[in-house]
Amino acid sequence: MRKSKKEEASQYKTLQMTQKQQQQRRKKIDPLKTRGIKYIDYKDTRLLARFVNEQGKILPSRITGISSKMQRMMTEAIKRARHLSLMPFVSEEFRP
């Protein structure tokens, strides 16, 4: 037997709702806010190294969970540390 259009539509809506619930992810917690850090210093290379991958690229905020304002501060601090040679531009493994 064939289902009515109303039954098919209601089943389709419930299927969409369950898929949306499965796709929703928990928002990442800002690691800097939990520690109470309000300013990122370019001389703190241990902190900056956490936000750079093995190749030396700056990790995006969607991966680290940092707010956009802190991400801009982080990027500027990393670039300053690199310029003053406190941090390498590229890791030792990837140098020719």
PDB file of N, CA and C in Angstrom:
ATOM      1  N   MET A   1       0.829  -1.184   0.000  1.00  0.00           N
ATOM      2  CA  MET A   1       0.000   0.000   0.000  1.00  0.00           C
ATOM      3  C   MET A   1       0.871   1.244   0.000  1.00  0.00           C
ATOM      4  N   ARG A   2       0.359   2.230  -0.625  1.00  0.00           N
ATOM      5  CA  ARG A   2       1.081   3.492  -0.726  1.00  0.00           C
ATOM      6  C   ARG A   2       0.665   4.430   0.399  1.00  0.00           C
ATOM      7  N   LYS A   3       1.670   5.153   0.960  1.00  0.00           N
ATOM      8  CA  LYS A   3       1.393   6.111   2.040  1.00  0.00           C
ATOM      9  C   LYS A   3       0.852   7.404   1.451  1.00  0.00           C
ATOM     10  N   SER A   4       0.105   8.090   2.243  1.00  0.00           N
ATOM     11  CA  SER A   4      -0.410   9.379   1.781  1.00  0.00           C
ATOM     12  C   SER A   4       0.718  10.404   1.786  1.00  0.00           C
ATOM     13  N   LYS A   5       0.490  11.503   1.094  1.00  0.00           N
ATOM     14  CA  LYS A   5       1.523  12.535   0.990  1.00  0.00           C
ATOM     15  C   LYS A   5       1.808  13.163   2.342  1.00  0.00           C
ATOM     16  N   LYS A   6       0.805  13.284   3.179  1.00  0.00           N
ATOM     17  CA  LYS A   6       0.995  13.877   4.507  1.00  0.00           C
ATOM     18  C   LYS A   6       1.901  12.999   5.361  1.00  0.00           C
ATOM     19  N   GLU A   7       1.686  11.681   5.301  1.00  0.00           N
ATOM     20  CA  GLU A   7       2.516  10.759   6.079  1.00  0.00           C
ATOM     21  C   GLU A   7       3.968  10.801   5.601  1.00  0.00           C
ATOM     22  N   GLU A   8       4.157  10.837   4.277  1.00  0.00           N
ATOM     23  CA  GLU A   8       5.506  10.905   3.731  1.00  0.00           C
ATOM     24  C   GLU A   8       6.203  12.198   4.144  1.00  0.00           C
ATOM     25  N   ALA A   9       5.483  13.311   4.109  1.00  0.00           N
ATOM     26  CA  ALA A   9       6.052  14.596   4.483  1.00  0.00           C
ATOM     27  C   ALA A   9       6.438  14.618   5.955  1.00  0.00           C
ATOM     28  N   SER A  10       5.593  14.056   6.810  1.00  0.00           N
ATOM     29  CA  SER A  10       5.902  14.051   8.242  1.00  0.00           C
ATOM     30  C   SER A  10       7.112  13.158   8.534  1.00  0.00           C
ATOM     31  N   GLN A  11       7.221  12.029   7.851  1.00  0.00           N
ATOM     32  CA  GLN A  11       8.383  11.154   8.035  1.00  0.00           C
ATOM     33  C   GLN A  11       9.665  11.839   7.556  1.00  0.00           C
ATOM     34  N   TYR A  12       9.559  12.557   6.448  1.00  0.00           N
ATOM     35  CA  TYR A  12      10.706  13.273   5.909  1.00  0.00           C
ATOM     36  C   TYR A  12      11.173  14.358   6.873  1.00  0.00           C
ATOM     37  N   LYS A  13      10.231  15.080   7.486  1.00  0.00           N
ATOM     38  CA  LYS A  13      10.577  16.126   8.442  1.00  0.00           C
ATOM     39  C   LYS A  13      11.251  15.541   9.673  1.00  0.00           C
ATOM     40  N   THR A  14      10.753  14.416  10.178  1.00  0.00           N
ATOM     41  CA  THR A  14      11.374  13.802  11.354  1.00  0.00           C
ATOM     42  C   THR A  14      12.778  13.304  11.019  1.00  0.00           C
ATOM     43  N   LEU A  15      12.966  12.805   9.812  1.00  0.00           N
ATOM     44  CA  LEU A  15      14.283  12.345   9.383  1.00  0.00           C
ATOM     45  C   LEU A  15      15.254  13.519   9.317  1.00  0.00           C
ATOM     46  N   GLN A  16      14.802  14.671   8.776  1.00  0.00           N
ATOM     47  CA  GLN A  16      15.642  15.854   8.714  1.00  0.00           C
ATOM     48  C   GLN A  16      16.007  16.345  10.106  1.00  0.00           C
ATOM     49  N   MET A  17      15.064  16.319  11.026  1.00  0.00           N
ATOM     50  CA  MET A  17      15.311  16.791  12.385  1.00  0.00           C
ATOM     51  C   MET A  17      16.387  15.937  13.049  1.00  0.00           C
ATOM     52  N   THR A  18      16.317  14.619  12.902  1.00  0.00           N
ATOM     53  CA  THR A  18      17.313  13.757  13.542  1.00  0.00           C
ATOM     54  C   THR A  18      18.691  13.968  12.920  1.00  0.00           C
ATOM     55  N   GLN A  19      18.761  14.226  11.615  1.00  0.00           N
ATOM     56  CA  GLN A  19      20.045  14.473  10.977  1.00  0.00           C
ATOM     57  C   GLN A  19      20.650  15.777  11.466  1.00  0.00           C
ATOM     58  N   LYS A  20      19.838  16.804  11.669  1.00  0.00           N
ATOM     59  CA  LYS A  20      20.345  18.075  12.167  1.00  0.00           C
ATOM     60  C   LYS A  20      20.873  17.928  13.585  1.00  0.00           C
ATOM     61  N   GLN A  21      20.185  17.149  14.387  1.00  0.00           N
ATOM     62  CA  GLN A  21      20.633  16.945  15.760  1.00  0.00           C
ATOM     63  C   GLN A  21      21.970  16.220  15.792  1.00  0.00           C
ATOM     64  N   GLN A  22      22.182  15.305  14.877  1.00  0.00           N
ATOM     65  CA  GLN A  22      23.437  14.576  14.838  1.00  0.00           C
ATOM     66  C   GLN A  22      24.578  15.464  14.349  1.00  0.00           C
ATOM     67  N   GLN A  23      24.289  16.429  13.456  1.00  0.00           N
ATOM     68  CA  GLN A  23      25.316  17.277  12.893  1.00  0.00           C
ATOM     69  C   GLN A  23      25.769  18.365  13.853  1.00  0.00           C
ATOM     70  N   GLN A  24      24.935  18.747  14.797  1.00  0.00           N
ATOM     71  CA  GLN A  24      25.303  19.809  15.718  1.00  0.00           C
ATOM     72  C   GLN A  24      26.446  19.348  16.605  1.00  0.00           C
ATOM     73  N   ARG A  25      27.449  20.214  16.698  1.00  0.00           N
ATOM     74  CA  ARG A  25      28.612  19.892  17.519  1.00  0.00           C
ATOM     75  C   ARG A  25      28.692  20.855  18.680  1.00  0.00           C
ATOM     76  N   ARG A  26      29.357  20.405  19.721  1.00  0.00           N
ATOM     77  CA  ARG A  26      29.558  21.256  20.890  1.00  0.00           C
ATOM     78  C   ARG A  26      30.516  22.377  20.550  1.00  0.00           C
ATOM     79  N   LYS A  27      30.240  23.557  21.004  1.00  0.00           N
ATOM     80  CA  LYS A  27      31.117  24.687  20.747  1.00  0.00           C
ATOM     81  C   LYS A  27      32.409  24.500  21.536  1.00  0.00           C
ATOM     82  N   LYS A  28      33.531  24.814  20.879  1.00  0.00           N
ATOM     83  CA  LYS A  28      34.819  24.652  21.545  1.00  0.00           C
ATOM     84  C   LYS A  28      35.004  25.729  22.609  1.00  0.00           C
ATOM     85  N   ILE A  29      35.670  25.366  23.666  1.00  0.00           N
ATOM     86  CA  ILE A  29      35.924  26.291  24.765  1.00  0.00           C
ATOM     87  C   ILE A  29      37.216  27.042  24.479  1.00  0.00           C
ATOM     88  N   ASP A  30      37.191  28.348  24.680  1.00  0.00           N
ATOM     89  CA  ASP A  30      38.356  29.182  24.441  1.00  0.00           C
ATOM     90  C   ASP A  30      39.427  28.869  25.486  1.00  0.00           C
ATOM     91  N   PRO A  31      40.580  28.315  25.077  1.00  0.00           N
ATOM     92  CA  PRO A  31      41.615  27.941  26.052  1.00  0.00           C
ATOM     93  C   PRO A  31      42.262  29.138  26.737  1.00  0.00           C
ATOM     94  N   LEU A  32      42.212  30.289  26.105  1.00  0.00           N
ATOM     95  CA  LEU A  32      42.826  31.475  26.702  1.00  0.00           C
ATOM     96  C   LEU A  32      41.911  32.106  27.754  1.00  0.00           C
ATOM     97  N   LYS A  33      40.616  32.076  27.509  1.00  0.00           N
ATOM     98  CA  LYS A  33      39.674  32.643  28.481  1.00  0.00           C
ATOM     99  C   LYS A  33      39.641  31.814  29.757  1.00  0.00           C
ATOM    100  N   THR A  34      39.749  30.492  29.613  1.00  0.00           N
ATOM    101  CA  THR A  34      39.720  29.639  30.801  1.00  0.00           C
ATOM    102  C   THR A  34      40.931  29.876  31.689  1.00  0.00           C
ATOM    103  N   ARG A  35      42.057  30.258  31.085  1.00  0.00           N
ATOM    104  CA  ARG A  35      43.269  30.555  31.864  1.00  0.00           C
ATOM    105  C   ARG A  35      43.313  32.005  32.338  1.00  0.00           C
ATOM    106  N   GLY A  36      42.397  32.827  31.836  1.00  0.00           N
ATOM    107  CA  GLY A  36      42.366  34.226  32.244  1.00  0.00           C
ATOM    108  C   GLY A  36      43.361  35.105  31.516  1.00  0.00           C
ATOM    109  N   ILE A  37      43.786  34.686  30.332  1.00  0.00           N
ATOM    110  CA  ILE A  37      44.741  35.459  29.544  1.00  0.00           C
ATOM    111  C   ILE A  37      43.979  36.515  28.753  1.00  0.00           C
ATOM    112  N   LYS A  38      44.364  37.785  28.933  1.00  0.00           N
ATOM    113  CA  LYS A  38      43.703  38.879  28.226  1.00  0.00           C
ATOM    114  C   LYS A  38      44.598  39.482  27.155  1.00  0.00           C
ATOM    115  N   TYR A  39      45.906  39.301  27.288  1.00  0.00           N
ATOM    116  CA  TYR A  39      46.856  39.840  26.327  1.00  0.00           C
ATOM    117  C   TYR A  39      47.855  38.748  25.958  1.00  0.00           C
ATOM    118  N   ILE A  40      48.143  38.628  24.675  1.00  0.00           N
ATOM    119  CA  ILE A  40      49.091  37.624  24.204  1.00  0.00           C
ATOM    120  C   ILE A  40      50.417  38.318  23.923  1.00  0.00           C
ATOM    121  N   ASP A  41      51.446  37.895  24.632  1.00  0.00           N
ATOM    122  CA  ASP A  41      52.767  38.504  24.491  1.00  0.00           C
ATOM    123  C   ASP A  41      53.584  37.718  23.471  1.00  0.00           C
ATOM    124  N   TYR A  42      54.272  38.407  22.582  1.00  0.00           N
ATOM    125  CA  TYR A  42      55.061  37.732  21.556  1.00  0.00           C
ATOM    126  C   TYR A  42      56.280  37.032  22.143  1.00  0.00           C
ATOM    127  N   LYS A  43      56.667  37.378  23.381  1.00  0.00           N
ATOM    128  CA  LYS A  43      57.841  36.748  24.002  1.00  0.00           C
ATOM    129  C   LYS A  43      57.507  35.403  24.661  1.00  0.00           C
ATOM    130  N   ASP A  44      56.225  35.108  24.802  1.00  0.00           N
ATOM    131  CA  ASP A  44      55.793  33.845  25.412  1.00  0.00           C
ATOM    132  C   ASP A  44      55.702  32.771  24.324  1.00  0.00           C
ATOM    133  N   THR A  45      56.860  32.212  23.946  1.00  0.00           N
ATOM    134  CA  THR A  45      56.902  31.268  22.833  1.00  0.00           C
ATOM    135  C   THR A  45      56.274  29.921  23.170  1.00  0.00           C
ATOM    136  N   ARG A  46      56.237  29.551  24.427  1.00  0.00           N
ATOM    137  CA  ARG A  46      55.600  28.280  24.800  1.00  0.00           C
ATOM    138  C   ARG A  46      54.105  28.326  24.506  1.00  0.00           C
ATOM    139  N   LEU A  47      53.482  29.453  24.786  1.00  0.00           N
ATOM    140  CA  LEU A  47      52.061  29.608  24.502  1.00  0.00           C
ATOM    141  C   LEU A  47      51.826  29.674  22.995  1.00  0.00           C
ATOM    142  N   LEU A  48      52.651  30.422  22.291  1.00  0.00           N
ATOM    143  CA  LEU A  48      52.481  30.584  20.855  1.00  0.00           C
ATOM    144  C   LEU A  48      52.698  29.274  20.098  1.00  0.00           C
ATOM    145  N   ALA A  49      53.583  28.435  20.597  1.00  0.00           N
ATOM    146  CA  ALA A  49      53.887  27.171  19.921  1.00  0.00           C
ATOM    147  C   ALA A  49      52.695  26.220  19.923  1.00  0.00           C
ATOM    148  N   ARG A  50      51.791  26.384  20.865  1.00  0.00           N
ATOM    149  CA  ARG A  50      50.590  25.535  20.912  1.00  0.00           C
ATOM    150  C   ARG A  50      49.653  25.808  19.738  1.00  0.00           C
ATOM    151  N   PHE A  51      49.745  26.995  19.141  1.00  0.00           N
ATOM    152  CA  PHE A  51      48.831  27.401  18.090  1.00  0.00           C
ATOM    153  C   PHE A  51      49.479  27.398  16.710  1.00  0.00           C
ATOM    154  N   VAL A  52      50.588  26.658  16.594  1.00  0.00           N
ATOM    155  CA  VAL A  52      51.287  26.496  15.322  1.00  0.00           C
ATOM    156  C   VAL A  52      51.441  24.994  15.092  1.00  0.00           C
ATOM    157  N   ASN A  53      51.191  24.527  13.843  1.00  0.00           N
ATOM    158  CA  ASN A  53      51.321  23.091  13.589  1.00  0.00           C
ATOM    159  C   ASN A  53      52.776  22.705  13.318  1.00  0.00           C
ATOM    160  N   GLU A  54      53.016  21.446  12.953  1.00  0.00           N
ATOM    161  CA  GLU A  54      54.376  20.932  12.782  1.00  0.00           C
ATOM    162  C   GLU A  54      55.110  21.621  11.645  1.00  0.00           C
ATOM    163  N   GLN A  55      54.366  22.055  10.627  1.00  0.00           N
ATOM    164  CA  GLN A  55      54.987  22.718   9.483  1.00  0.00           C
ATOM    165  C   GLN A  55      55.301  24.177   9.766  1.00  0.00           C
ATOM    166  N   GLY A  56      54.732  24.734  10.817  1.00  0.00           N
ATOM    167  CA  GLY A  56      54.953  26.125  11.145  1.00  0.00           C
ATOM    168  C   GLY A  56      53.785  27.019  10.775  1.00  0.00           C
ATOM    169  N   LYS A  57      52.678  26.415  10.333  1.00  0.00           N
ATOM    170  CA  LYS A  57      51.501  27.200   9.949  1.00  0.00           C
ATOM    171  C   LYS A  57      50.677  27.547  11.189  1.00  0.00           C
ATOM    172  N   ILE A  58      50.070  28.717  11.170  1.00  0.00           N
ATOM    173  CA  ILE A  58      49.202  29.144  12.271  1.00  0.00           C
ATOM    174  C   ILE A  58      47.872  28.420  12.141  1.00  0.00           C
ATOM    175  N   LEU A  59      47.428  27.795  13.229  1.00  0.00           N
ATOM    176  CA  LEU A  59      46.172  27.048  13.208  1.00  0.00           C
ATOM    177  C   LEU A  59      44.970  27.991  13.211  1.00  0.00           C
ATOM    178  N   PRO A  60      43.908  27.646  12.468  1.00  0.00           N
ATOM    179  CA  PRO A  60      42.725  28.506  12.437  1.00  0.00           C
ATOM    180  C   PRO A  60      41.930  28.419  13.732  1.00  0.00           C
ATOM    181  N   SER A  61      41.112  29.436  13.964  1.00  0.00           N
ATOM    182  CA  SER A  61      40.352  29.501  15.211  1.00  0.00           C
ATOM    183  C   SER A  61      39.288  28.417  15.286  1.00  0.00           C
ATOM    184  N   ARG A  62      38.815  27.907  14.153  1.00  0.00           N
ATOM    185  CA  ARG A  62      37.812  26.841  14.199  1.00  0.00           C
ATOM    186  C   ARG A  62      38.389  25.548  14.750  1.00  0.00           C
ATOM    187  N   ILE A  63      39.694  25.395  14.681  1.00  0.00           N
ATOM    188  CA  ILE A  63      40.348  24.209  15.248  1.00  0.00           C
ATOM    189  C   ILE A  63      40.728  24.451  16.699  1.00  0.00           C
ATOM    190  N   THR A  64      41.293  25.627  16.983  1.00  0.00           N
ATOM    191  CA  THR A  64      41.774  25.897  18.339  1.00  0.00           C
ATOM    192  C   THR A  64      40.674  26.345  19.282  1.00  0.00           C
ATOM    193  N   GLY A  65      39.624  26.981  18.763  1.00  0.00           N
ATOM    194  CA  GLY A  65      38.529  27.438  19.615  1.00  0.00           C
ATOM    195  C   GLY A  65      38.732  28.833  20.171  1.00  0.00           C
ATOM    196  N   ILE A  66      39.702  29.567  19.652  1.00  0.00           N
ATOM    197  CA  ILE A  66      39.976  30.924  20.129  1.00  0.00           C
ATOM    198  C   ILE A  66      38.975  31.890  19.485  1.00  0.00           C
ATOM    199  N   SER A  67      38.619  32.938  20.210  1.00  0.00           N
ATOM    200  CA  SER A  67      37.729  33.951  19.650  1.00  0.00           C
ATOM    201  C   SER A  67      38.454  34.705  18.535  1.00  0.00           C
ATOM    202  N   SER A  68      37.694  35.380  17.691  1.00  0.00           N
ATOM    203  CA  SER A  68      38.300  36.056  16.540  1.00  0.00           C
ATOM    204  C   SER A  68      39.237  37.190  16.970  1.00  0.00           C
ATOM    205  N   LYS A  69      38.876  37.883  18.028  1.00  0.00           N
ATOM    206  CA  LYS A  69      39.727  38.958  18.527  1.00  0.00           C
ATOM    207  C   LYS A  69      41.067  38.405  19.015  1.00  0.00           C
ATOM    208  N   MET A  70      41.018  37.319  19.775  1.00  0.00           N
ATOM    209  CA  MET A  70      42.246  36.696  20.278  1.00  0.00           C
ATOM    210  C   MET A  70      43.044  36.055  19.142  1.00  0.00           C
ATOM    211  N   GLN A  71      42.343  35.563  18.113  1.00  0.00           N
ATOM    212  CA  GLN A  71      43.036  34.964  16.971  1.00  0.00           C
ATOM    213  C   GLN A  71      43.875  36.025  16.251  1.00  0.00           C
ATOM    214  N   ARG A  72      43.337  37.221  16.115  1.00  0.00           N
ATOM    215  CA  ARG A  72      44.092  38.299  15.486  1.00  0.00           C
ATOM    216  C   ARG A  72      45.308  38.668  16.334  1.00  0.00           C
ATOM    217  N   MET A  73      45.121  38.723  17.657  1.00  0.00           N
ATOM    218  CA  MET A  73      46.249  39.014  18.544  1.00  0.00           C
ATOM    219  C   MET A  73      47.295  37.906  18.470  1.00  0.00           C
ATOM    220  N   MET A  74      46.829  36.665  18.405  1.00  0.00           N
ATOM    221  CA  MET A  74      47.720  35.510  18.324  1.00  0.00           C
ATOM    222  C   MET A  74      48.548  35.558  17.038  1.00  0.00           C
ATOM    223  N   THR A  75      47.893  35.843  15.927  1.00  0.00           N
ATOM    224  CA  THR A  75      48.589  35.915  14.644  1.00  0.00           C
ATOM    225  C   THR A  75      49.654  36.992  14.658  1.00  0.00           C
ATOM    226  N   GLU A  76      49.312  38.148  15.179  1.00  0.00           N
ATOM    227  CA  GLU A  76      50.271  39.253  15.246  1.00  0.00           C
ATOM    228  C   GLU A  76      51.455  38.896  16.142  1.00  0.00           C
ATOM    229  N   ALA A  77      51.187  38.255  17.283  1.00  0.00           N
ATOM    230  CA  ALA A  77      52.255  37.876  18.209  1.00  0.00           C
ATOM    231  C   ALA A  77      53.183  36.833  17.579  1.00  0.00           C
ATOM    232  N   ILE A  78      52.611  35.868  16.859  1.00  0.00           N
ATOM    233  CA  ILE A  78      53.427  34.840  16.206  1.00  0.00           C
ATOM    234  C   ILE A  78      54.315  35.471  15.138  1.00  0.00           C
ATOM    235  N   LYS A  79      53.741  36.383  14.375  1.00  0.00           N
ATOM    236  CA  LYS A  79      54.529  37.044  13.326  1.00  0.00           C
ATOM    237  C   LYS A  79      55.649  37.894  13.915  1.00  0.00           C
ATOM    238  N   ARG A  80      55.385  38.562  15.017  1.00  0.00           N
ATOM    239  CA  ARG A  80      56.428  39.352  15.675  1.00  0.00           C
ATOM    240  C   ARG A  80      57.535  38.454  16.222  1.00  0.00           C
ATOM    241  N   ALA A  81      57.137  37.333  16.838  1.00  0.00           N
ATOM    242  CA  ALA A  81      58.128  36.399  17.380  1.00  0.00           C
ATOM    243  C   ALA A  81      58.984  35.808  16.269  1.00  0.00           C
ATOM    244  N   ARG A  82      58.386  35.544  15.119  1.00  0.00           N
ATOM    245  CA  ARG A  82      59.152  35.032  13.986  1.00  0.00           C
ATOM    246  C   ARG A  82      60.132  36.085  13.477  1.00  0.00           C
ATOM    247  N   HIS A  83      59.664  37.309  13.399  1.00  0.00           N
ATOM    248  CA  HIS A  83      60.507  38.389  12.886  1.00  0.00           C
ATOM    249  C   HIS A  83      61.724  38.609  13.781  1.00  0.00           C
ATOM    250  N   LEU A  84      61.548  38.466  15.088  1.00  0.00           N
ATOM    251  CA  LEU A  84      62.660  38.630  16.027  1.00  0.00           C
ATOM    252  C   LEU A  84      63.407  37.324  16.258  1.00  0.00           C
ATOM    253  N   SER A  85      63.105  36.305  15.464  1.00  0.00           N
ATOM    254  CA  SER A  85      63.703  34.963  15.500  1.00  0.00           C
ATOM    255  C   SER A  85      63.558  34.274  16.856  1.00  0.00           C
ATOM    256  N   LEU A  86      62.451  34.537  17.529  1.00  0.00           N
ATOM    257  CA  LEU A  86      62.126  33.777  18.741  1.00  0.00           C
ATOM    258  C   LEU A  86      61.448  32.459  18.374  1.00  0.00           C
ATOM    259  N   MET A  87      60.797  32.445  17.224  1.00  0.00           N
ATOM    260  CA  MET A  87      60.142  31.248  16.704  1.00  0.00           C
ATOM    261  C   MET A  87      60.597  31.038  15.261  1.00  0.00           C
ATOM    262  N   PRO A  88      60.692  29.791  14.825  1.00  0.00           N
ATOM    263  CA  PRO A  88      61.077  29.545  13.429  1.00  0.00           C
ATOM    264  C   PRO A  88      59.893  29.755  12.481  1.00  0.00           C
ATOM    265  N   PHE A  89      60.196  30.149  11.251  1.00  0.00           N
ATOM    266  CA  PHE A  89      59.151  30.265  10.238  1.00  0.00           C
ATOM    267  C   PHE A  89      58.693  28.877   9.800  1.00  0.00           C
ATOM    268  N   VAL A  90      59.660  27.962   9.651  1.00  0.00           N
ATOM    269  CA  VAL A  90      59.390  26.582   9.228  1.00  0.00           C
ATOM    270  C   VAL A  90      60.152  25.673  10.174  1.00  0.00           C
ATOM    271  N   SER A  91      59.560  24.516  10.500  1.00  0.00           N
ATOM    272  CA  SER A  91      60.246  23.613  11.418  1.00  0.00           C
ATOM    273  C   SER A  91      61.463  22.977  10.751  1.00  0.00           C
ATOM    274  N   GLU A  92      62.315  22.385  11.534  1.00  0.00           N
ATOM    275  CA  GLU A  92      63.573  21.789  11.047  1.00  0.00           C
ATOM    276  C   GLU A  92      63.304  20.648  10.063  1.00  0.00           C
ATOM    277  N   GLU A  93      62.234  19.897  10.255  1.00  0.00           N
ATOM    278  CA  GLU A  93      61.941  18.741   9.415  1.00  0.00           C
ATOM    279  C   GLU A  93      61.641  19.128   7.977  1.00  0.00           C
ATOM    280  N   PHE A  94      61.033  20.299   7.777  1.00  0.00           N
ATOM    281  CA  PHE A  94      60.560  20.669   6.458  1.00  0.00           C
ATOM    282  C   PHE A  94      61.519  21.599   5.704  1.00  0.00           C
ATOM    283  N   ARG A  95      62.669  21.855   6.263  1.00  0.00           N
ATOM    284  CA  ARG A  95      63.660  22.684   5.576  1.00  0.00           C
ATOM    285  C   ARG A  95      64.394  21.850   4.524  1.00  0.00           C
ATOM    286  N   PRO A  96      64.717  22.471   3.397  1.00  0.00           N
ATOM    287  CA  PRO A  96      65.417  21.699   2.333  1.00  0.00           C
ATOM    288  C   PRO A  96      66.860  21.411   2.654  1.00  0.00           C
TER     289      PRO A  96
END
